Protein backbone atom coordinates (compact mmCIF):
# COMPACT_ATOMS: atom_id res chain seq x y z
CA MET A 1 120.32 152.74 80.18
CA ALA A 2 123.65 151.88 78.52
CA ASP A 3 125.46 154.18 80.94
CA GLU A 4 123.86 152.34 83.87
CA THR A 5 125.09 148.84 83.08
CA LEU A 6 128.23 146.74 83.18
CA GLU A 7 129.26 143.94 80.86
CA LEU A 8 129.72 140.83 83.02
CA ASP A 9 131.58 137.72 81.89
CA ILE A 10 132.01 134.78 84.26
CA VAL A 11 134.21 132.00 82.91
CA THR A 12 135.61 128.76 84.32
CA PRO A 13 138.03 126.39 82.59
CA GLU A 14 135.01 124.26 81.66
CA ARG A 15 132.44 126.81 80.49
CA LEU A 16 131.14 130.32 80.04
CA LEU A 17 128.49 130.84 82.74
CA VAL A 18 127.46 134.45 82.23
CA ALA A 19 127.87 136.97 79.41
CA GLU A 20 125.35 139.78 79.84
CA LYS A 21 124.69 143.38 80.81
CA VAL A 22 124.08 143.82 84.53
CA GLU A 23 123.34 146.69 86.89
CA GLN A 24 125.56 145.57 89.77
CA VAL A 25 127.99 142.78 90.71
CA ASN A 26 128.90 141.69 94.26
CA ILE A 27 132.15 139.76 94.39
CA PRO A 28 133.92 137.82 97.18
CA GLY A 29 137.37 139.38 96.90
CA ALA A 30 140.34 137.98 98.77
CA GLU A 31 140.50 141.18 100.84
CA GLY A 32 136.72 141.38 101.38
CA ASP A 33 133.43 141.60 99.53
CA MET A 34 133.20 144.20 96.75
CA GLY A 35 130.20 145.85 95.16
CA ILE A 36 130.82 146.89 91.57
CA LEU A 37 128.57 149.52 89.96
CA PRO A 38 128.79 151.22 86.57
CA ASN A 39 131.79 153.55 86.16
CA HIS A 40 133.76 151.73 88.89
CA ALA A 41 137.47 152.47 89.03
CA PRO A 42 139.69 149.84 87.39
CA ILE A 43 140.68 147.04 89.75
CA ILE A 44 142.18 143.56 89.65
CA SER A 45 141.69 141.16 92.56
CA THR A 46 141.90 137.53 93.52
CA LEU A 47 138.72 135.79 94.63
CA ARG A 48 138.05 133.75 97.74
CA PRO A 49 135.42 131.02 97.98
CA GLY A 50 132.04 132.65 98.41
CA SER A 51 128.88 134.04 96.87
CA LEU A 52 129.00 136.15 93.74
CA SER A 53 125.75 137.86 92.82
CA TYR A 54 124.63 140.14 90.05
CA GLU A 55 121.51 142.13 89.31
CA VAL A 56 119.58 142.42 86.05
CA ASP A 57 116.32 144.41 85.92
CA GLY A 58 116.20 144.39 89.72
CA LYS A 59 116.44 140.58 89.91
CA SER A 60 119.43 139.08 91.72
CA THR A 61 121.19 135.88 90.62
CA THR A 62 123.72 134.09 92.84
CA LEU A 63 126.63 131.81 92.02
CA VAL A 64 129.24 130.22 94.25
CA VAL A 65 132.85 130.72 93.17
CA THR A 66 135.75 128.84 94.68
CA GLY A 67 138.60 131.16 93.82
CA GLY A 68 140.11 132.81 90.78
CA PHE A 69 140.59 136.36 89.58
CA MET A 70 138.50 139.33 88.52
CA GLU A 71 139.15 142.51 86.60
CA VAL A 72 137.07 145.67 86.33
CA ALA A 73 137.81 148.16 83.55
CA GLU A 74 135.71 150.42 81.33
CA ASN A 75 132.32 149.15 82.62
CA ARG A 76 133.30 145.55 82.10
CA VAL A 77 133.74 142.91 84.82
CA ILE A 78 135.60 139.74 83.89
CA VAL A 79 135.61 136.89 86.39
CA LEU A 80 137.98 133.99 85.76
CA ALA A 81 136.86 131.47 88.36
CA GLU A 82 138.56 128.21 89.26
CA ASN A 83 135.06 126.80 89.66
CA ALA A 84 131.63 128.41 89.72
CA GLU A 85 128.12 127.07 89.93
CA PHE A 86 124.65 128.51 90.18
CA ALA A 87 122.93 127.92 93.52
CA ASN A 88 120.44 125.52 91.90
CA GLU A 89 123.32 123.36 90.60
CA ILE A 90 124.78 122.65 94.04
CA ASP A 91 124.51 119.08 95.31
CA ARG A 92 123.69 119.55 99.01
CA GLU A 93 124.66 116.01 100.05
CA ARG A 94 128.00 116.24 98.27
CA ALA A 95 128.70 119.62 99.90
CA LEU A 96 127.83 118.22 103.34
CA ALA A 97 130.13 115.24 102.80
CA SER A 98 132.95 117.51 101.63
CA LYS A 99 132.51 119.75 104.67
CA ALA A 100 132.57 116.79 107.07
CA LYS A 101 135.69 115.37 105.42
CA ALA A 102 137.47 118.75 105.62
CA GLU A 103 136.50 119.21 109.28
CA GLU A 104 137.77 115.71 110.05
CA ALA A 105 141.09 116.47 108.34
CA LEU A 106 141.44 119.75 110.24
CA ALA A 107 140.76 118.00 113.55
CA GLY A 108 143.53 115.49 112.83
CA ALA A 109 146.86 115.89 114.50
CA LYS A 110 150.11 116.76 112.77
CA LEU A 111 149.00 118.20 109.45
CA SER A 112 151.75 119.81 107.46
CA GLU A 113 151.16 123.44 106.57
CA PRO A 114 150.20 122.59 102.94
CA GLU A 115 147.83 119.85 104.16
CA PHE A 116 146.26 122.25 106.65
CA GLU A 117 145.81 124.96 103.98
CA GLU A 118 144.23 122.48 101.55
CA ALA A 119 141.81 121.14 104.17
CA GLN A 120 140.91 124.68 105.21
CA LEU A 121 140.26 125.66 101.58
CA ARG A 122 138.04 122.57 101.12
CA LEU A 123 136.09 123.63 104.22
CA PHE A 124 135.66 127.19 102.90
CA ARG A 125 134.44 125.86 99.53
CA ALA A 126 131.93 123.47 101.11
CA THR A 127 130.66 126.16 103.48
CA ALA A 128 130.16 128.63 100.61
CA ARG A 129 128.17 126.00 98.71
CA LEU A 130 126.01 125.14 101.71
CA GLU A 131 125.25 128.81 102.39
CA ASN A 132 123.71 129.05 98.92
CA VAL A 133 121.81 125.79 98.60
CA ASP A 134 118.06 126.30 98.37
CA GLY A 135 116.52 125.61 101.74
CA GLU A 136 119.65 126.44 103.79
């Protein structure tokens, strides 16, 4: 079984979320979603806001990440996330409010490019959270 697993570490600036052996990891890479299996080729990538899932004993667990970096090497996946939370930790009302505020900002006239990019990123983060809230 040791040859069929990966070591997965998911860390944010605030806490260590996951440190365990897993069978598969699905990651929202900046260039697209990636599935990581044992013996994957080494890779480094930035993350985009989205769902990150991993499988242990056939059971899938999902987190929402809002950016960061990941590295795969020697059957180890290290995720350094700006922020990450398990689906059951997401505050639905807060995510809805954040999405509405971002949409309002994007609808406003005359945003500078940095303001537009920040509002768009807030919208992506809120949408990723809402896609993973229980009952959505």
